[in-house]
Amino acid sequence: MYDHLYALGCSWTEGTDDEKHKNGWVGRLAKQLDCTYTNLGGKGDSNWLQYYNFLQQPIVENSIVIWGLSSFTRIVGSNFQTVYSGDYDKQYILKYHSDKALQLQTMVMLHSFQNYCNSINCKHLTFISFDDIQRLDKSYELPKIYTLLDYNSIIKDTSMKDFIGGKNNVCEDSTKLLGRQHIKTSVNLKYFSKDGHPNANGYSLWADELYRRINEN
């Protein structure tokens, strides 16, 4: 089907807390696809940093790229390093932060990502790892940038977190942005580790779902 899989994302793509050390959903999916893979996922990475890293990759023919989007509130600072919502200065939040602006910027980036993949004849699929699914299901009232995206290549009915049973797990990025601190006490331990990352069971479940969706298309 494919000769190579490129995976973009944060720790949820990197495979943090995968007790069986099979490279999270990436290694498991590559095995199902019977292909080699490049896991670009990095703990704490922003979407912008991941796209920047992907643009520097040599692309193997007959490849597929799957992007597990991280928190939209993570942005890039100097040298493209990630700045987290919890690190924002309160005065910056009051004067400059705009969730709609972050949303619009990410949509423009996704449009660029899709066009780039198409230009190099590379199949692509995008999903949300743990942020709110409303970010991709067209719920946001933004300019016509939404009409530019290929929604056939976006999973917009569920996030990875919700699909593997983490709907009620606490998301650290969003709570920090609102100035609240939470201890993750309500974590679904069947599919997640205690710190809220998917465990081996969760990665396996999501890899199976991605494989099903790839075959559907």
Protein backbone atom coordinates (compact mmCIF):
# COMPACT_ATOMS: atom_id res chain seq x y z
CA MET A 1 0.00 0.00 0.00
CA TYR A 2 2.69 2.48 1.11
CA ASP A 3 6.47 2.20 1.31
CA HIS A 4 6.98 4.76 4.07
CA LEU A 5 5.06 6.50 6.86
CA TYR A 6 5.94 9.96 8.16
CA ALA A 7 4.38 10.87 11.50
CA LEU A 8 4.14 14.40 12.89
CA GLY A 9 3.01 15.39 16.36
CA CYS A 10 3.93 15.88 20.00
CA SER A 11 4.47 13.30 22.75
CA TRP A 12 1.26 11.53 21.71
CA THR A 13 2.96 10.76 18.39
CA GLU A 14 6.44 10.24 19.79
CA GLY A 15 5.06 7.39 21.89
CA THR A 16 5.58 8.64 25.44
CA ASP A 17 4.49 6.07 28.07
CA ASP A 18 4.36 3.19 25.59
CA GLU A 19 5.27 0.37 27.96
CA LYS A 20 5.79 -2.08 25.10
CA HIS A 21 8.24 0.27 23.36
CA LYS A 22 6.67 -0.10 19.92
CA ASN A 23 6.90 3.59 19.01
CA GLY A 24 3.34 4.44 19.96
CA TRP A 25 0.67 4.41 17.27
CA VAL A 26 3.34 5.11 14.65
CA GLY A 27 5.29 1.86 14.95
CA ARG A 28 2.12 -0.19 15.28
CA LEU A 29 0.51 1.39 12.21
CA ALA A 30 3.69 1.01 10.15
CA LYS A 31 3.67 -2.70 10.98
CA GLN A 32 0.08 -3.00 9.79
CA LEU A 33 0.95 -1.11 6.61
CA ASP A 34 4.10 -3.22 6.21
CA CYS A 35 6.25 -0.15 5.61
CA THR A 36 9.18 1.74 7.09
CA TYR A 37 8.55 4.90 9.07
CA THR A 38 9.95 8.19 10.32
CA ASN A 39 8.57 9.32 13.66
CA LEU A 40 9.09 13.08 13.94
CA GLY A 41 6.93 13.36 17.06
CA GLY A 42 8.58 15.34 19.84
CA LYS A 43 7.54 15.78 23.46
CA GLY A 44 5.97 19.20 23.91
CA ASP A 45 6.38 20.25 20.27
CA SER A 46 4.09 22.84 18.74
CA ASN A 47 2.34 22.25 15.44
CA TRP A 48 4.51 24.90 13.83
CA LEU A 49 7.74 23.23 14.93
CA GLN A 50 6.53 19.89 13.61
CA TYR A 51 5.67 21.33 10.21
CA TYR A 52 9.04 23.10 10.09
CA ASN A 53 10.80 19.79 10.82
CA PHE A 54 8.76 17.94 8.20
CA LEU A 55 9.64 20.43 5.47
CA GLN A 56 13.30 19.50 5.93
CA GLN A 57 12.74 15.77 5.41
CA PRO A 58 13.78 13.92 2.24
CA ILE A 59 10.58 12.30 0.99
CA VAL A 60 10.42 8.65 0.00
CA GLU A 61 8.22 7.80 -2.98
CA ASN A 62 4.85 6.21 -2.28
CA SER A 63 4.62 7.63 1.24
CA ILE A 64 1.84 8.73 3.58
CA VAL A 65 2.11 11.54 6.13
CA ILE A 66 -0.06 11.47 9.25
CA TRP A 67 -0.16 14.49 11.51
CA GLY A 68 -1.44 14.29 15.07
CA LEU A 69 -2.00 17.94 15.88
CA SER A 70 -0.88 19.11 19.31
CA SER A 71 -2.42 21.94 21.35
CA PHE A 72 -3.21 24.95 19.18
CA THR A 73 -2.09 27.22 22.04
CA ARG A 74 1.53 26.12 21.65
CA ILE A 75 3.39 28.65 19.52
CA VAL A 76 6.94 29.07 18.27
CA GLY A 77 9.44 31.51 19.72
CA SER A 78 13.09 32.11 18.94
CA ASN A 79 14.80 29.40 16.88
CA PHE A 80 11.37 27.79 16.34
CA GLN A 81 11.34 26.44 19.89
CA THR A 82 7.94 25.92 21.47
CA VAL A 83 6.40 28.47 23.84
CA TYR A 84 3.69 26.93 26.02
CA SER A 85 0.48 28.54 27.16
CA GLY A 86 1.56 28.18 30.80
CA ASP A 87 4.63 30.30 30.05
CA TYR A 88 2.72 33.25 28.63
CA ASP A 89 3.12 36.48 30.53
CA LYS A 90 -0.22 37.54 32.01
CA GLN A 91 0.07 40.98 30.45
CA TYR A 92 0.60 39.32 27.07
CA ILE A 93 -2.56 37.26 27.57
CA LEU A 94 -4.61 40.34 28.41
CA LYS A 95 -3.27 42.48 25.56
CA TYR A 96 -2.44 40.14 22.70
CA HIS A 97 -3.80 36.62 23.08
CA SER A 98 -6.53 35.73 20.62
CA ASP A 99 -7.78 32.18 20.31
CA LYS A 100 -9.36 32.95 16.95
CA ALA A 101 -6.05 34.29 15.67
CA LEU A 102 -4.29 31.09 16.73
CA GLN A 103 -7.02 29.10 15.04
CA LEU A 104 -6.72 31.06 11.81
CA GLN A 105 -2.92 30.75 11.78
CA THR A 106 -3.18 26.99 12.20
CA MET A 107 -5.71 26.70 9.38
CA VAL A 108 -3.35 28.58 7.07
CA MET A 109 -0.54 26.23 8.11
CA LEU A 110 -2.70 23.16 7.44
CA HIS A 111 -3.60 24.49 4.01
CA SER A 112 0.10 24.91 3.27
CA PHE A 113 0.81 21.41 4.60
CA GLN A 114 -1.85 19.85 2.38
CA ASN A 115 -0.67 21.72 -0.71
CA TYR A 116 2.93 20.72 -0.05
CA CYS A 117 2.00 17.06 0.32
CA ASN A 118 -0.02 17.20 -2.89
CA SER A 119 2.86 18.84 -4.72
CA ILE A 120 5.18 15.95 -3.83
CA ASN A 121 2.48 13.34 -4.49
CA CYS A 122 2.34 12.27 -0.87
CA LYS A 123 -0.87 11.01 0.74
CA HIS A 124 -1.78 12.86 3.96
CA LEU A 125 -4.11 12.52 6.93
CA THR A 126 -4.55 14.89 9.88
CA PHE A 127 -6.19 14.44 13.27
CA ILE A 128 -6.30 16.19 16.65
CA SER A 129 -4.40 14.44 19.41
CA PHE A 130 -5.97 15.93 22.55
CA ASP A 131 -7.19 19.46 21.85
CA ASP A 132 -10.89 20.21 21.34
CA ILE A 133 -12.29 18.53 18.22
CA GLN A 134 -14.20 21.77 17.49
CA ARG A 135 -10.90 23.08 16.20
CA LEU A 136 -11.34 20.95 13.07
CA ASP A 137 -15.05 20.19 12.77
CA LYS A 138 -15.93 23.64 11.32
CA SER A 139 -17.48 24.91 14.56
CA TYR A 140 -15.27 28.00 14.63
CA GLU A 141 -16.67 31.02 12.81
CA LEU A 142 -13.64 32.16 10.87
CA PRO A 143 -12.95 33.60 7.41
CA LYS A 144 -13.09 31.52 4.25
CA ILE A 145 -9.82 29.77 5.03
CA TYR A 146 -11.90 26.79 6.10
CA THR A 147 -13.13 26.32 2.53
CA LEU A 148 -9.55 25.89 1.36
CA LEU A 149 -8.90 22.73 3.38
CA ASP A 150 -9.34 19.20 2.06
CA TYR A 151 -11.61 17.76 4.74
CA ASN A 152 -11.50 14.32 3.16
CA SER A 153 -7.96 14.15 4.54
CA ILE A 154 -8.89 15.33 8.04
CA ILE A 155 -10.43 13.28 10.83
CA LYS A 156 -13.03 15.73 12.07
CA ASP A 157 -15.47 13.51 13.98
CA THR A 158 -13.20 12.58 16.88
CA SER A 159 -9.88 13.35 18.48
CA MET A 160 -7.42 10.64 19.45
CA LYS A 161 -8.07 11.38 23.13
CA ASP A 162 -11.83 11.04 22.83
CA PHE A 163 -11.66 7.91 20.67
CA ILE A 164 -9.55 5.97 23.16
CA GLY A 165 -11.70 6.93 26.13
CA GLY A 166 -10.02 10.04 27.50
CA LYS A 167 -12.85 12.53 27.06
CA ASN A 168 -12.87 13.33 30.78
CA ASN A 169 -9.10 13.35 31.23
CA VAL A 170 -7.65 16.73 32.16
CA CYS A 171 -5.77 18.56 29.37
CA GLU A 172 -2.80 20.36 30.92
CA ASP A 173 -2.27 22.93 28.15
CA SER A 174 -5.78 24.36 28.20
CA THR A 175 -5.94 24.54 32.00
CA LYS A 176 -2.62 26.38 32.21
CA LEU A 177 -3.81 28.91 29.64
CA LEU A 178 -6.76 29.74 31.87
CA GLY A 179 -4.51 30.08 34.89
CA ARG A 180 -5.70 26.92 36.61
CA GLN A 181 -3.65 24.00 37.84
CA HIS A 182 -5.15 20.52 37.95
CA ILE A 183 -3.89 17.17 39.16
CA LYS A 184 -4.87 14.41 36.77
CA THR A 185 -6.95 12.24 39.07
CA SER A 186 -9.67 11.14 36.65
CA VAL A 187 -7.65 9.28 34.07
CA ASN A 188 -8.92 6.23 32.16
CA LEU A 189 -6.14 3.85 33.14
CA LYS A 190 -7.23 1.19 30.65
CA TYR A 191 -5.93 3.27 27.78
CA PHE A 192 -3.84 5.96 29.53
CA SER A 193 -0.93 6.15 31.94
CA LYS A 194 -1.29 8.07 35.19
CA ASP A 195 0.13 11.26 33.70
CA GLY A 196 -2.53 11.33 30.99
CA HIS A 197 -0.54 10.07 27.99
CA PRO A 198 -1.86 7.06 26.08
CA ASN A 199 -0.44 3.72 27.18
CA ALA A 200 0.28 0.69 24.98
CA ASN A 201 -3.43 -0.21 24.86
CA GLY A 202 -4.39 3.31 23.82
CA TYR A 203 -1.76 3.46 21.08
CA SER A 204 -2.87 0.08 19.74
CA LEU A 205 -6.51 1.16 19.63
CA TRP A 206 -5.70 4.34 17.72
CA ALA A 207 -3.34 2.57 15.30
CA ASP A 208 -6.16 0.15 14.43
CA GLU A 209 -8.53 3.06 13.83
CA LEU A 210 -6.05 4.89 11.59
CA TYR A 211 -5.49 1.70 9.60
CA ARG A 212 -9.24 1.33 9.12
CA ARG A 213 -9.63 4.91 7.91
CA ILE A 214 -6.67 4.63 5.53
CA ASN A 215 -8.19 1.52 3.96
CA GLU A 216 -11.56 3.24 3.65
CA ASN A 217 -9.95 5.89 1.46
